[in-house]
């Protein structure tokens, strides 16, 4: 295999299909790794002004080198998003809708905000204003929780996933930058490819626009002072996957958290994090680690690098049989330099 992720095999030799399968998987990971890029901020990105952590928005301005490269797995997710966007635009065209101004840049220089809007949509052959369009692919469970119409906008604003709550703010900022009066968020289910279109009238998101502009001015003030904001209270769904976690990681304290320094366990966790789930070694390490922490009822933070949480559950049994008890163990690396967090039921 070459450094650029291109496969090489000797000519004329019989094909070993097992090795071929491994070669394809390894080459894919190397190829994804080579596609990752760091992107220090030159302005406030419209898509991030709804982020729950102001400190994360200031880091790329003051300490861009603190940013960790995301995992190859997350790069694959980004690539899938681009594929979904391109396919959706083609489908909309086939259905009689026109997609215009794709990736056109817009700026609010006074507040140092920049945005590259996915595009605008209108019915083919009709003039009139362009409706700002943003395309997002979603996991089935998140997609199912968003209703049609304006109810869907409210659902997104109240979504459990913080990144889904950012989407309406992103489109609201695009309306500010473009001067348009309305937008839509085109949602695609990653599995079924079902489609929903959530309307975003400017009149309904003026509050989001005002909050985002104030957020940009807050970030600018910190940047101008050369100062980082205070850390937010630790949230594994936010901090545990932040590209600046290695530099910022908030203290982990509280009655439900135990901090431990176990060098052997850290090494096992590091090795596991660098392996692909489903491989023989990964599964062996997974079993060994989870057996060691099975009876721990609080969150463990191991060596400041890993969070381990056990959660008991049960499944209904057959008629006349008791429920089946199980423990769901979640292991998260508190940076995104390794494989994405894995959740496994045992």
C-alpha atoms as a PDB file:
ATOM      1  CA  UNK A   1       0.000   0.000   0.000  1.00  0.00           C
ATOM      2  CA  UNK A   2       1.282   3.459  -0.851  1.00  0.00           C
ATOM      3  CA  UNK A   3       1.251   6.521   1.367  1.00  0.00           C
ATOM      4  CA  UNK A   4      -1.545   8.044  -0.713  1.00  0.00           C
ATOM      5  CA  UNK A   5      -3.956   5.233   0.104  1.00  0.00           C
ATOM      6  CA  UNK A   6      -3.735   3.570  -3.325  1.00  0.00           C
ATOM      7  CA  UNK A   7      -3.809  -0.256  -3.312  1.00  0.00           C
ATOM      8  CA  UNK A   8      -0.992  -2.269  -4.931  1.00  0.00           C
ATOM      9  CA  UNK A   9      -1.000  -6.032  -5.478  1.00  0.00           C
ATOM     10  CA  UNK A  10       1.486  -8.310  -7.281  1.00  0.00           C
ATOM     11  CA  UNK A  11       0.340  -9.205 -10.796  1.00  0.00           C
ATOM     12  CA  UNK A  12      -0.324 -12.797 -11.769  1.00  0.00           C
ATOM     13  CA  UNK A  13      -0.724 -14.226  -8.236  1.00  0.00           C
ATOM     14  CA  UNK A  14      -3.860 -16.144  -7.160  1.00  0.00           C
ATOM     15  CA  UNK A  15      -6.392 -13.983  -5.353  1.00  0.00           C
ATOM     16  CA  UNK A  16      -6.655 -14.508  -1.587  1.00  0.00           C
ATOM     17  CA  UNK A  17     -10.154 -13.125  -1.032  1.00  0.00           C
ATOM     18  CA  UNK A  18      -9.668 -12.734   2.735  1.00  0.00           C
ATOM     19  CA  UNK A  19      -6.561 -10.625   2.226  1.00  0.00           C
ATOM     20  CA  UNK A  20      -8.318  -8.714  -0.547  1.00  0.00           C
ATOM     21  CA  UNK A  21     -11.182  -7.832   1.803  1.00  0.00           C
ATOM     22  CA  UNK A  22      -8.721  -6.677   4.463  1.00  0.00           C
ATOM     23  CA  UNK A  23      -6.782  -4.675   1.864  1.00  0.00           C
ATOM     24  CA  UNK A  24      -9.930  -2.869   0.742  1.00  0.00           C
ATOM     25  CA  UNK A  25     -10.882  -1.994   4.327  1.00  0.00           C
ATOM     26  CA  UNK A  26      -7.370  -0.846   5.274  1.00  0.00           C
ATOM     27  CA  UNK A  27      -7.005   1.177   2.078  1.00  0.00           C
ATOM     28  CA  UNK A  28     -10.374   2.824   2.715  1.00  0.00           C
ATOM     29  CA  UNK A  29      -9.310   3.925   6.195  1.00  0.00           C
ATOM     30  CA  UNK A  30      -6.021   5.278   4.873  1.00  0.00           C
ATOM     31  CA  UNK A  31      -7.851   7.073   2.076  1.00  0.00           C
ATOM     32  CA  UNK A  32     -10.284   8.650   4.545  1.00  0.00           C
ATOM     33  CA  UNK A  33      -7.408   9.679   6.805  1.00  0.00           C
ATOM     34  CA  UNK A  34      -5.760  11.489   3.909  1.00  0.00           C
ATOM     35  CA  UNK A  35      -8.943  13.468   3.213  1.00  0.00           C
ATOM     36  CA  UNK A  36      -9.077  15.055   6.660  1.00  0.00           C
ATOM     37  CA  UNK A  37      -8.166  18.728   6.907  1.00  0.00           C
ATOM     38  CA  UNK A  38      -7.829  21.266   9.683  1.00  0.00           C
ATOM     39  CA  UNK A  39      -9.592  24.535   8.939  1.00  0.00           C
ATOM     40  CA  UNK A  40      -8.665  27.433  11.262  1.00  0.00           C
ATOM     41  CA  UNK A  41     -11.361  30.089  11.419  1.00  0.00           C
ATOM     42  CA  UNK A  42     -10.999  33.449   9.723  1.00  0.00           C
ATOM     43  CA  UNK A  43     -14.560  34.458  10.635  1.00  0.00           C
ATOM     44  CA  UNK A  44     -17.612  33.288  12.561  1.00  0.00           C
ATOM     45  CA  UNK A  45     -19.187  30.458  10.601  1.00  0.00           C
ATOM     46  CA  UNK A  46     -22.926  30.798  10.166  1.00  0.00           C
ATOM     47  CA  UNK A  47     -23.453  27.085  10.733  1.00  0.00           C
ATOM     48  CA  UNK A  48     -21.824  27.205  14.173  1.00  0.00           C
ATOM     49  CA  UNK A  49     -23.402  30.245  15.820  1.00  0.00           C
ATOM     50  CA  UNK A  50     -26.048  28.019  17.417  1.00  0.00           C
ATOM     51  CA  UNK A  51     -23.360  25.939  19.121  1.00  0.00           C
ATOM     52  CA  UNK A  52     -23.946  25.350  22.857  1.00  0.00           C
ATOM     53  CA  UNK A  53     -20.335  26.254  23.750  1.00  0.00           C
ATOM     54  CA  UNK A  54     -18.955  29.754  23.148  1.00  0.00           C
ATOM     55  CA  UNK A  55     -15.489  28.592  24.156  1.00  0.00           C
ATOM     56  CA  UNK A  56     -15.462  26.167  21.219  1.00  0.00           C
ATOM     57  CA  UNK A  57     -16.253  29.068  18.868  1.00  0.00           C
ATOM     58  CA  UNK A  58     -13.336  31.135  20.178  1.00  0.00           C
ATOM     59  CA  UNK A  59     -10.704  28.372  20.094  1.00  0.00           C
ATOM     60  CA  UNK A  60     -10.219  28.325  16.286  1.00  0.00           C
ATOM     61  CA  UNK A  61      -9.477  32.056  16.343  1.00  0.00           C
ATOM     62  CA  UNK A  62      -7.034  32.084  19.259  1.00  0.00           C
ATOM     63  CA  UNK A  63      -5.591  28.562  19.352  1.00  0.00           C
ATOM     64  CA  UNK A  64      -6.179  26.890  15.967  1.00  0.00           C
ATOM     65  CA  UNK A  65      -3.323  24.444  16.558  1.00  0.00           C
ATOM     66  CA  UNK A  66      -5.256  22.984  19.511  1.00  0.00           C
ATOM     67  CA  UNK A  67      -7.784  21.468  17.115  1.00  0.00           C
ATOM     68  CA  UNK A  68      -7.557  17.682  16.798  1.00  0.00           C
ATOM     69  CA  UNK A  69      -8.185  15.983  13.480  1.00  0.00           C
ATOM     70  CA  UNK A  70     -11.493  14.171  13.423  1.00  0.00           C
ATOM     71  CA  UNK A  71     -11.559  10.405  12.976  1.00  0.00           C
ATOM     72  CA  UNK A  72     -11.602   8.611   9.607  1.00  0.00           C
ATOM     73  CA  UNK A  73     -15.077   7.385  10.566  1.00  0.00           C
ATOM     74  CA  UNK A  74     -16.344  10.929  10.960  1.00  0.00           C
ATOM     75  CA  UNK A  75     -14.764  11.865   7.631  1.00  0.00           C
ATOM     76  CA  UNK A  76     -16.858   9.106   6.078  1.00  0.00           C
ATOM     77  CA  UNK A  77     -19.960  10.703   7.628  1.00  0.00           C
ATOM     78  CA  UNK A  78     -18.995  14.085   6.114  1.00  0.00           C
ATOM     79  CA  UNK A  79     -18.475  12.459   2.719  1.00  0.00           C
ATOM     80  CA  UNK A  80     -21.870  10.779   2.935  1.00  0.00           C
ATOM     81  CA  UNK A  81     -23.438  14.154   3.681  1.00  0.00           C
ATOM     82  CA  UNK A  82     -21.922  15.580   0.495  1.00  0.00           C
ATOM     83  CA  UNK A  83     -23.234  12.625  -1.514  1.00  0.00           C
ATOM     84  CA  UNK A  84     -26.723  13.041  -0.040  1.00  0.00           C
ATOM     85  CA  UNK A  85     -26.679  16.758  -0.861  1.00  0.00           C
ATOM     86  CA  UNK A  86     -25.650  16.235  -4.487  1.00  0.00           C
ATOM     87  CA  UNK A  87     -28.193  13.451  -4.983  1.00  0.00           C
ATOM     88  CA  UNK A  88     -30.973  15.497  -3.401  1.00  0.00           C
ATOM     89  CA  UNK A  89     -30.271  18.453  -5.692  1.00  0.00           C
ATOM     90  CA  UNK A  90     -30.499  16.135  -8.721  1.00  0.00           C
ATOM     91  CA  UNK A  91     -33.771  14.663  -7.451  1.00  0.00           C
ATOM     92  CA  UNK A  92     -35.269  18.114  -6.872  1.00  0.00           C
ATOM     93  CA  UNK A  93     -34.347  19.032 -10.450  1.00  0.00           C
ATOM     94  CA  UNK A  94     -35.999  15.881 -11.775  1.00  0.00           C
ATOM     95  CA  UNK A  95     -39.140  16.781  -9.814  1.00  0.00           C
ATOM     96  CA  UNK A  96     -39.363  20.244 -11.367  1.00  0.00           C
ATOM     97  CA  UNK A  97     -37.571  22.416  -8.846  1.00  0.00           C
ATOM     98  CA  UNK A  98     -34.604  24.631  -9.603  1.00  0.00           C
ATOM     99  CA  UNK A  99     -31.598  24.747  -7.277  1.00  0.00           C
ATOM    100  CA  UNK A 100     -29.645  27.988  -7.681  1.00  0.00           C
ATOM    101  CA  UNK A 101     -26.743  29.886  -6.103  1.00  0.00           C
ATOM    102  CA  UNK A 102     -25.148  26.676  -4.854  1.00  0.00           C
ATOM    103  CA  UNK A 103     -22.383  27.312  -2.264  1.00  0.00           C
ATOM    104  CA  UNK A 104     -22.547  31.062  -2.832  1.00  0.00           C
ATOM    105  CA  UNK A 105     -20.637  32.910  -0.097  1.00  0.00           C
ATOM    106  CA  UNK A 106     -22.310  35.621   1.990  1.00  0.00           C
ATOM    107  CA  UNK A 107     -20.717  37.909   4.568  1.00  0.00           C
ATOM    108  CA  UNK A 108     -21.602  40.212   7.436  1.00  0.00           C
ATOM    109  CA  UNK A 109     -18.254  41.937   7.669  1.00  0.00           C
ATOM    110  CA  UNK A 110     -19.192  44.117  10.625  1.00  0.00           C
ATOM    111  CA  UNK A 111     -19.805  41.042  12.769  1.00  0.00           C
ATOM    112  CA  UNK A 112     -17.228  38.867  10.961  1.00  0.00           C
ATOM    113  CA  UNK A 113     -19.795  36.256   9.923  1.00  0.00           C
ATOM    114  CA  UNK A 114     -19.385  34.151   6.802  1.00  0.00           C
ATOM    115  CA  UNK A 115     -21.661  31.524   5.346  1.00  0.00           C
ATOM    116  CA  UNK A 116     -21.685  29.269   2.302  1.00  0.00           C
ATOM    117  CA  UNK A 117     -25.333  28.528   1.649  1.00  0.00           C
ATOM    118  CA  UNK A 118     -26.169  25.135   0.122  1.00  0.00           C
ATOM    119  CA  UNK A 119     -28.343  26.973  -2.364  1.00  0.00           C
ATOM    120  CA  UNK A 120     -31.748  28.410  -3.084  1.00  0.00           C
ATOM    121  CA  UNK A 121     -34.847  26.685  -4.415  1.00  0.00           C
ATOM    122  CA  UNK A 122     -37.776  27.705  -6.569  1.00  0.00           C
ATOM    123  CA  UNK A 123     -40.204  26.104  -9.018  1.00  0.00           C
ATOM    124  CA  UNK A 124     -38.663  25.829 -12.492  1.00  0.00           C
ATOM    125  CA  UNK A 125     -39.890  28.410 -14.964  1.00  0.00           C
ATOM    126  CA  UNK A 126     -41.161  30.750 -12.270  1.00  0.00           C
ATOM    127  CA  UNK A 127     -39.486  34.004 -11.373  1.00  0.00           C
ATOM    128  CA  UNK A 128     -39.723  35.603  -7.996  1.00  0.00           C
ATOM    129  CA  UNK A 129     -37.638  35.378  -4.858  1.00  0.00           C
ATOM    130  CA  UNK A 130     -35.356  32.497  -4.061  1.00  0.00           C
ATOM    131  CA  UNK A 131     -36.062  30.465  -0.941  1.00  0.00           C
ATOM    132  CA  UNK A 132     -32.841  29.718   0.926  1.00  0.00           C
ATOM    133  CA  UNK A 133     -32.207  25.972   1.043  1.00  0.00           C
ATOM    134  CA  UNK A 134     -30.094  23.841   3.364  1.00  0.00           C
ATOM    135  CA  UNK A 135     -29.840  20.047   2.988  1.00  0.00           C
ATOM    136  CA  UNK A 136     -29.192  17.838   6.002  1.00  0.00           C
ATOM    137  CA  UNK A 137     -28.986  14.059   6.308  1.00  0.00           C
ATOM    138  CA  UNK A 138     -30.193  12.614   9.608  1.00  0.00           C
ATOM    139  CA  UNK A 139     -30.217   9.349  11.500  1.00  0.00           C
ATOM    140  CA  UNK A 140     -33.619   7.607  11.308  1.00  0.00           C
ATOM    141  CA  UNK A 141     -34.476   8.249  14.967  1.00  0.00           C
ATOM    142  CA  UNK A 142     -33.832  11.993  14.636  1.00  0.00           C
ATOM    143  CA  UNK A 143     -35.634  12.156  11.297  1.00  0.00           C
ATOM    144  CA  UNK A 144     -38.731  10.480  12.752  1.00  0.00           C
ATOM    145  CA  UNK A 145     -38.966  13.069  15.526  1.00  0.00           C
ATOM    146  CA  UNK A 146     -39.359  15.983  13.101  1.00  0.00           C
ATOM    147  CA  UNK A 147     -42.934  16.627  11.992  1.00  0.00           C
ATOM    148  CA  UNK A 148     -44.063  18.278   8.781  1.00  0.00           C
ATOM    149  CA  UNK A 149     -44.589  22.020   8.462  1.00  0.00           C
ATOM    150  CA  UNK A 150     -43.868  24.615  11.116  1.00  0.00           C
ATOM    151  CA  UNK A 151     -44.244  21.946  13.806  1.00  0.00           C
ATOM    152  CA  UNK A 152     -41.032  20.462  12.392  1.00  0.00           C
ATOM    153  CA  UNK A 153     -39.208  23.724  13.001  1.00  0.00           C
ATOM    154  CA  UNK A 154     -40.244  23.621  16.652  1.00  0.00           C
ATOM    155  CA  UNK A 155     -39.221  19.955  16.864  1.00  0.00           C
ATOM    156  CA  UNK A 156     -35.733  20.807  15.616  1.00  0.00           C
ATOM    157  CA  UNK A 157     -35.377  23.659  18.088  1.00  0.00           C
ATOM    158  CA  UNK A 158     -36.246  21.255  20.926  1.00  0.00           C
ATOM    159  CA  UNK A 159     -34.298  18.266  19.579  1.00  0.00           C
ATOM    160  CA  UNK A 160     -32.305  16.184  22.008  1.00  0.00           C
ATOM    161  CA  UNK A 161     -29.208  16.316  19.778  1.00  0.00           C
ATOM    162  CA  UNK A 162     -27.518  19.710  20.114  1.00  0.00           C
ATOM    163  CA  UNK A 163     -26.304  19.677  16.511  1.00  0.00           C
ATOM    164  CA  UNK A 164     -29.899  19.324  15.253  1.00  0.00           C
ATOM    165  CA  UNK A 165     -30.845  22.365  17.338  1.00  0.00           C
ATOM    166  CA  UNK A 166     -28.160  24.307  15.422  1.00  0.00           C
ATOM    167  CA  UNK A 167     -29.788  23.794  12.028  1.00  0.00           C
ATOM    168  CA  UNK A 168     -32.614  26.369  12.380  1.00  0.00           C
ATOM    169  CA  UNK A 169     -30.109  28.946  13.633  1.00  0.00           C
ATOM    170  CA  UNK A 170     -27.872  28.211  10.655  1.00  0.00           C
ATOM    171  CA  UNK A 171     -30.702  28.891   8.189  1.00  0.00           C
ATOM    172  CA  UNK A 172     -31.818  31.929  10.183  1.00  0.00           C
ATOM    173  CA  UNK A 173     -28.323  33.403   9.825  1.00  0.00           C
ATOM    174  CA  UNK A 174     -28.391  32.619   6.105  1.00  0.00           C
ATOM    175  CA  UNK A 175     -31.618  34.625   5.839  1.00  0.00           C
ATOM    176  CA  UNK A 176     -29.837  37.522   7.546  1.00  0.00           C
ATOM    177  CA  UNK A 177     -26.820  37.249   5.258  1.00  0.00           C
ATOM    178  CA  UNK A 178     -28.800  36.888   2.034  1.00  0.00           C
ATOM    179  CA  UNK A 179     -31.618  39.284   2.823  1.00  0.00           C
ATOM    180  CA  UNK A 180     -34.216  36.674   1.842  1.00  0.00           C
ATOM    181  CA  UNK A 181     -37.527  36.293   3.677  1.00  0.00           C
ATOM    182  CA  UNK A 182     -37.832  32.522   3.826  1.00  0.00           C
ATOM    183  CA  UNK A 183     -35.835  29.324   3.847  1.00  0.00           C
ATOM    184  CA  UNK A 184     -36.302  25.579   3.998  1.00  0.00           C
ATOM    185  CA  UNK A 185     -34.358  22.745   5.590  1.00  0.00           C
ATOM    186  CA  UNK A 186     -34.473  19.667   3.374  1.00  0.00           C
ATOM    187  CA  UNK A 187     -34.041  16.593   5.544  1.00  0.00           C
ATOM    188  CA  UNK A 188     -33.061  13.143   4.287  1.00  0.00           C
ATOM    189  CA  UNK A 189     -33.228   9.934   6.290  1.00  0.00           C
ATOM    190  CA  UNK A 190     -29.791   8.320   5.929  1.00  0.00           C
ATOM    191  CA  UNK A 191     -31.285   4.824   5.805  1.00  0.00           C
ATOM    192  CA  UNK A 192     -34.627   5.066   3.980  1.00  0.00           C
ATOM    193  CA  UNK A 193     -33.802   8.241   1.992  1.00  0.00           C
ATOM    194  CA  UNK A 194     -37.223   9.597   2.930  1.00  0.00           C
ATOM    195  CA  UNK A 195     -37.534  13.363   2.495  1.00  0.00           C
ATOM    196  CA  UNK A 196     -39.042  16.104   4.648  1.00  0.00           C
ATOM    197  CA  UNK A 197     -38.944  19.840   4.035  1.00  0.00           C
ATOM    198  CA  UNK A 198     -39.140  22.104   7.088  1.00  0.00           C
ATOM    199  CA  UNK A 199     -40.205  25.706   6.329  1.00  0.00           C
ATOM    200  CA  UNK A 200     -38.250  28.516   7.968  1.00  0.00           C
ATOM    201  CA  UNK A 201     -40.111  31.842   7.583  1.00  0.00           C
ATOM    202  CA  UNK A 202     -37.951  34.766   8.611  1.00  0.00           C
ATOM    203  CA  UNK A 203     -40.783  36.124  10.721  1.00  0.00           C
ATOM    204  CA  UNK A 204     -40.564  32.984  12.905  1.00  0.00           C
ATOM    205  CA  UNK A 205     -36.796  33.111  13.429  1.00  0.00           C
ATOM    206  CA  UNK A 206     -36.072  36.793  14.094  1.00  0.00           C
ATOM    207  CA  UNK A 207     -35.238  35.819  17.666  1.00  0.00           C
ATOM    208  CA  UNK A 208     -32.714  33.241  16.430  1.00  0.00           C
ATOM    209  CA  UNK A 209     -31.137  35.849  14.160  1.00  0.00           C
ATOM    210  CA  UNK A 210     -30.806  38.344  17.000  1.00  0.00           C
ATOM    211  CA  UNK A 211     -29.293  35.686  19.295  1.00  0.00           C
ATOM    212  CA  UNK A 212     -26.816  34.564  16.624  1.00  0.00           C
ATOM    213  CA  UNK A 213     -25.677  38.117  15.880  1.00  0.00           C
ATOM    214  CA  UNK A 214     -25.191  38.733  19.583  1.00  0.00           C
ATOM    215  CA  UNK A 215     -23.247  35.480  19.808  1.00  0.00           C
ATOM    216  CA  UNK A 216     -20.934  36.584  17.000  1.00  0.00           C
ATOM    217  CA  UNK A 217     -20.276  39.889  18.760  1.00  0.00           C
ATOM    218  CA  UNK A 218     -19.574  37.988  21.992  1.00  0.00           C
ATOM    219  CA  UNK A 219     -17.064  35.741  20.204  1.00  0.00           C
ATOM    220  CA  UNK A 220     -15.435  38.768  18.558  1.00  0.00           C
ATOM    221  CA  UNK A 221     -15.029  40.473  21.924  1.00  0.00           C
ATOM    222  CA  UNK A 222     -13.236  37.442  23.365  1.00  0.00           C
ATOM    223  CA  UNK A 223     -11.038  37.188  20.271  1.00  0.00           C
ATOM    224  CA  UNK A 224     -10.135  40.883  20.392  1.00  0.00           C
ATOM    225  CA  UNK A 225      -9.150  40.513  24.052  1.00  0.00           C
ATOM    226  CA  UNK A 226      -7.214  37.324  23.315  1.00  0.00           C
ATOM    227  CA  UNK A 227      -9.235  35.553  25.986  1.00  0.00           C
ATOM    228  CA  UNK A 228     -11.060  32.229  26.135  1.00  0.00           C
ATOM    229  CA  UNK A 229     -14.543  32.122  27.723  1.00  0.00           C
ATOM    230  CA  UNK A 230     -15.203  30.012  30.794  1.00  0.00           C
ATOM    231  CA  UNK A 231     -15.798  26.321  30.204  1.00  0.00           C
ATOM    232  CA  UNK A 232     -19.339  25.034  30.119  1.00  0.00           C
ATOM    233  CA  UNK A 233     -20.369  22.323  32.552  1.00  0.00           C
ATOM    234  CA  UNK A 234     -19.112  19.026  31.196  1.00  0.00           C
ATOM    235  CA  UNK A 235     -21.520  17.301  28.809  1.00  0.00           C
ATOM    236  CA  UNK A 236     -20.265  14.091  27.225  1.00  0.00           C
ATOM    237  CA  UNK A 237     -22.339  14.636  24.076  1.00  0.00           C
ATOM    238  CA  UNK A 238     -20.699  18.041  23.554  1.00  0.00           C
ATOM    239  CA  UNK A 239     -17.292  17.992  25.245  1.00  0.00           C
ATOM    240  CA  UNK A 240     -16.615  14.315  24.584  1.00  0.00           C
ATOM    241  CA  UNK A 241     -16.657  14.889  20.823  1.00  0.00           C
ATOM    242  CA  UNK A 242     -15.179  18.371  20.646  1.00  0.00           C
ATOM    243  CA  UNK A 243     -12.049  18.812  18.476  1.00  0.00           C
ATOM    244  CA  UNK A 244     -10.600  21.067  21.190  1.00  0.00           C
ATOM    245  CA  UNK A 245     -11.267  18.668  24.069  1.00  0.00           C
ATOM    246  CA  UNK A 246      -7.583  17.797  24.409  1.00  0.00           C
ATOM    247  CA  UNK A 247      -6.731  21.413  25.232  1.00  0.00           C
ATOM    248  CA  UNK A 248      -9.913  22.395  27.015  1.00  0.00           C
ATOM    249  CA  UNK A 249     -11.316  19.323  28.724  1.00  0.00           C
ATOM    250  CA  UNK A 250     -13.367  20.572  31.684  1.00  0.00           C
ATOM    251  CA  UNK A 251     -12.812  19.107  35.144  1.00  0.00           C
ATOM    252  CA  UNK A 252     -14.918  16.006  35.745  1.00  0.00           C
ATOM    253  CA  UNK A 253     -16.364  16.149  39.227  1.00  0.00           C
ATOM    254  CA  UNK A 254     -19.563  15.262  41.022  1.00  0.00           C
ATOM    255  CA  UNK A 255     -21.222  12.497  42.960  1.00  0.00           C
ATOM    256  CA  UNK A 256     -21.836  10.476  39.804  1.00  0.00           C
ATOM    257  CA  UNK A 257     -18.257  10.560  38.495  1.00  0.00           C
ATOM    258  CA  UNK A 258     -15.107   8.735  39.602  1.00  0.00           C
ATOM    259  CA  UNK A 259     -11.672   9.738  38.313  1.00  0.00           C
ATOM    260  CA  UNK A 260      -9.181   6.877  38.153  1.00  0.00           C
ATOM    261  CA  UNK A 261      -5.606   6.542  36.931  1.00  0.00           C
ATOM    262  CA  UNK A 262      -5.071   2.948  35.881  1.00  0.00           C
ATOM    263  CA  UNK A 263      -2.167   2.758  33.430  1.00  0.00           C
ATOM    264  CA  UNK A 264      -3.016  -0.769  32.266  1.00  0.00           C
ATOM    265  CA  UNK A 265      -6.683   0.089  31.639  1.00  0.00           C
ATOM    266  CA  UNK A 266      -5.685   3.260  29.781  1.00  0.00           C
ATOM    267  CA  UNK A 267      -3.416   1.254  27.473  1.00  0.00           C
ATOM    268  CA  UNK A 268      -6.186  -1.262  26.785  1.00  0.00           C
ATOM    269  CA  UNK A 269      -8.619   1.563  26.048  1.00  0.00           C
ATOM    270  CA  UNK A 270      -6.134   3.294  23.757  1.00  0.00           C
ATOM    271  CA  UNK A 271      -5.513   0.109  21.799  1.00  0.00           C
ATOM    272  CA  UNK A 272      -9.259  -0.510  21.504  1.00  0.00           C
ATOM    273  CA  UNK A 273      -9.846   3.053  20.297  1.00  0.00           C
ATOM    274  CA  UNK A 274      -7.345   2.604  17.473  1.00  0.00           C
ATOM    275  CA  UNK A 275      -9.021  -0.563  16.154  1.00  0.00           C
ATOM    276  CA  UNK A 276     -12.042  -0.971  13.925  1.00  0.00           C
ATOM    277  CA  UNK A 277     -15.118  -2.378  15.726  1.00  0.00           C
ATOM    278  CA  UNK A 278     -15.811  -5.979  14.766  1.00  0.00           C
ATOM    279  CA  UNK A 279     -12.201  -7.058  14.403  1.00  0.00           C
ATOM    280  CA  UNK A 280     -11.081 -10.001  16.526  1.00  0.00           C
ATOM    281  CA  UNK A 281      -8.698  -7.940  18.653  1.00  0.00           C
ATOM    282  CA  UNK A 282     -11.244  -5.151  19.159  1.00  0.00           C
ATOM    283  CA  UNK A 283     -13.860  -7.642  20.366  1.00  0.00           C
ATOM    284  CA  UNK A 284     -11.392  -9.284  22.736  1.00  0.00           C
ATOM    285  CA  UNK A 285     -10.386  -5.942  24.265  1.00  0.00           C
ATOM    286  CA  UNK A 286     -14.015  -4.861  24.421  1.00  0.00           C
ATOM    287  CA  UNK A 287     -14.950  -7.934  26.452  1.00  0.00           C
ATOM    288  CA  UNK A 288     -11.921  -7.602  28.749  1.00  0.00           C
ATOM    289  CA  UNK A 289     -12.533  -3.921  29.525  1.00  0.00           C
ATOM    290  CA  UNK A 290     -16.262  -4.294  30.078  1.00  0.00           C
ATOM    291  CA  UNK A 291     -15.798  -7.306  32.324  1.00  0.00           C
ATOM    292  CA  UNK A 292     -13.451  -5.219  34.472  1.00  0.00           C
ATOM    293  CA  UNK A 293     -15.970  -2.404  34.952  1.00  0.00           C
ATOM    294  CA  UNK A 294     -19.255  -4.334  34.784  1.00  0.00           C
ATOM    295  CA  UNK A 295     -20.209  -3.695  38.417  1.00  0.00           C
ATOM    296  CA  UNK A 296     -19.392   0.022  38.472  1.00  0.00           C
ATOM    297  CA  UNK A 297     -22.606   2.039  38.856  1.00  0.00           C
ATOM    298  CA  UNK A 298     -21.180   5.530  38.260  1.00  0.00           C
ATOM    299  CA  UNK A 299     -19.333   7.116  35.375  1.00  0.00           C
ATOM    300  CA  UNK A 300     -15.630   6.310  35.271  1.00  0.00           C
ATOM    301  CA  UNK A 301     -13.164   8.770  33.770  1.00  0.00           C
ATOM    302  CA  UNK A 302      -9.982   6.815  33.126  1.00  0.00           C
ATOM    303  CA  UNK A 303      -6.698   8.702  32.894  1.00  0.00           C
ATOM    304  CA  UNK A 304      -8.564  11.820  31.813  1.00  0.00           C
ATOM    305  CA  UNK A 305      -8.923  10.254  28.345  1.00  0.00           C
ATOM    306  CA  UNK A 306     -11.904   7.909  28.460  1.00  0.00           C
ATOM    307  CA  UNK A 307     -15.406   7.907  29.893  1.00  0.00           C
ATOM    308  CA  UNK A 308     -17.086   4.591  30.743  1.00  0.00           C
ATOM    309  CA  UNK A 309     -20.765   4.437  31.692  1.00  0.00           C
ATOM    310  CA  UNK A 310     -22.834   1.353  32.525  1.00  0.00           C
ATOM    311  CA  UNK A 311     -26.608   1.497  32.180  1.00  0.00           C
ATOM    312  CA  UNK A 312     -28.854  -1.381  33.208  1.00  0.00           C
ATOM    313  CA  UNK A 313     -31.836  -2.300  31.062  1.00  0.00           C
ATOM    314  CA  UNK A 314     -34.221  -5.100  30.274  1.00  0.00           C
ATOM    315  CA  UNK A 315     -36.054  -6.556  27.311  1.00  0.00           C
ATOM    316  CA  UNK A 316     -39.465  -8.144  27.393  1.00  0.00           C
ATOM    317  CA  UNK A 317     -39.295 -11.903  27.301  1.00  0.00           C
ATOM    318  CA  UNK A 318     -41.651 -14.307  25.596  1.00  0.00           C
ATOM    319  CA  UNK A 319     -45.111 -14.752  27.130  1.00  0.00           C
ATOM    320  CA  UNK A 320     -44.704 -16.352  30.519  1.00  0.00           C
ATOM    321  CA  UNK A 321     -40.951 -15.663  30.662  1.00  0.00           C
ATOM    322  CA  UNK A 322     -39.260 -12.970  32.759  1.00  0.00           C
ATOM    323  CA  UNK A 323     -37.595  -9.980  31.070  1.00  0.00           C
ATOM    324  CA  UNK A 324     -33.976 -10.359  29.955  1.00  0.00           C
ATOM    325  CA  UNK A 325     -31.639  -8.109  31.919  1.00  0.00           C
ATOM    326  CA  UNK A 326     -28.626  -6.532  30.236  1.00  0.00           C
ATOM    327  CA  UNK A 327     -25.994  -3.861  30.787  1.00  0.00           C
ATOM    328  CA  UNK A 328     -25.337  -1.290  28.100  1.00  0.00           C
ATOM    329  CA  UNK A 329     -21.745  -0.089  28.360  1.00  0.00           C
ATOM    330  CA  UNK A 330     -20.763   3.122  26.599  1.00  0.00           C
ATOM    331  CA  UNK A 331     -17.064   3.878  26.136  1.00  0.00           C
ATOM    332  CA  UNK A 332     -16.133   7.305  24.816  1.00  0.00           C
ATOM    333  CA  UNK A 333     -12.748   8.760  24.134  1.00  0.00           C
ATOM    334  CA  UNK A 334     -12.751  12.349  25.348  1.00  0.00           C
ATOM    335  CA  UNK A 335     -11.182  13.547  22.097  1.00  0.00           C
ATOM    336  CA  UNK A 336     -12.085  12.746  18.480  1.00  0.00           C
ATOM    337  CA  UNK A 337      -8.639  11.598  17.391  1.00  0.00           C
ATOM    338  CA  UNK A 338      -9.551   7.937  17.412  1.00  0.00           C
ATOM    339  CA  UNK A 339     -12.457   5.878  16.136  1.00  0.00           C
ATOM    340  CA  UNK A 340     -15.884   7.223  16.932  1.00  0.00           C
ATOM    341  CA  UNK A 341     -17.439   6.219  20.259  1.00  0.00           C
ATOM    342  CA  UNK A 342     -18.917   2.747  20.289  1.00  0.00           C
ATOM    343  CA  UNK A 343     -22.052   1.708  22.193  1.00  0.00           C
ATOM    344  CA  UNK A 344     -22.429  -2.009  22.763  1.00  0.00           C
ATOM    345  CA  UNK A 345     -25.096  -4.058  24.521  1.00  0.00           C
ATOM    346  CA  UNK A 346     -24.048  -7.081  26.509  1.00  0.00           C
END
